[in-house]
Amino acid sequence: MTPWYSTTEVEKKWYVVDASGKVLGRLATEVACIIRGKRKPEYSPNADTGDFVVVINADKVIVTGKRAELKVYKHHSGYPGGLKEKMYGDLIKTKPEFVIEHAVKGMLPKTRLGKKIFHHLKVYRGSEHPHSAQKPELISI
């Protein structure tokens, strides 16, 4: 019989990931697996068993090929003519946190649990973060 774990029984750890020089998609897949809890033996797809991840140096993440010039982020306001487009090159200068959050959010389930575990991701532009009290471990991806 498969063991069942309550979310209160699973120990949640804090990790720090340095994004400088990392490829955006490869970084996002690893972070999504960690915050989802897939690296733990207690993993269950219907429970929050994941850890917290702090991503630092978000402004130094890279993309491969011509994607820096071609990648476009789109959203629509719902009104006629309300399509908004922003280029990757502009966003990485103004809001690099959004770029990583958007990539990780796309790799999480589109359910209530996915929205909940998305809050386990903390992204910061520089190398400083306010989560030192949680004693996060530095992991390399």
Foldseek 3Di string as FASTA:
>chain_A
DDDADALVRADAAEAEEEQAPAALLVVLVVVLCQLQVVVDPNHDNVHRRHYAYEYAQLLRHDHDDCQQAVPKDWDAPPDVVRIDIDGNVVCSVPPSVVSNLVSNLVVFDPDPVSVVSSVSYHYYNHPDDPPCVSVHHYDYD
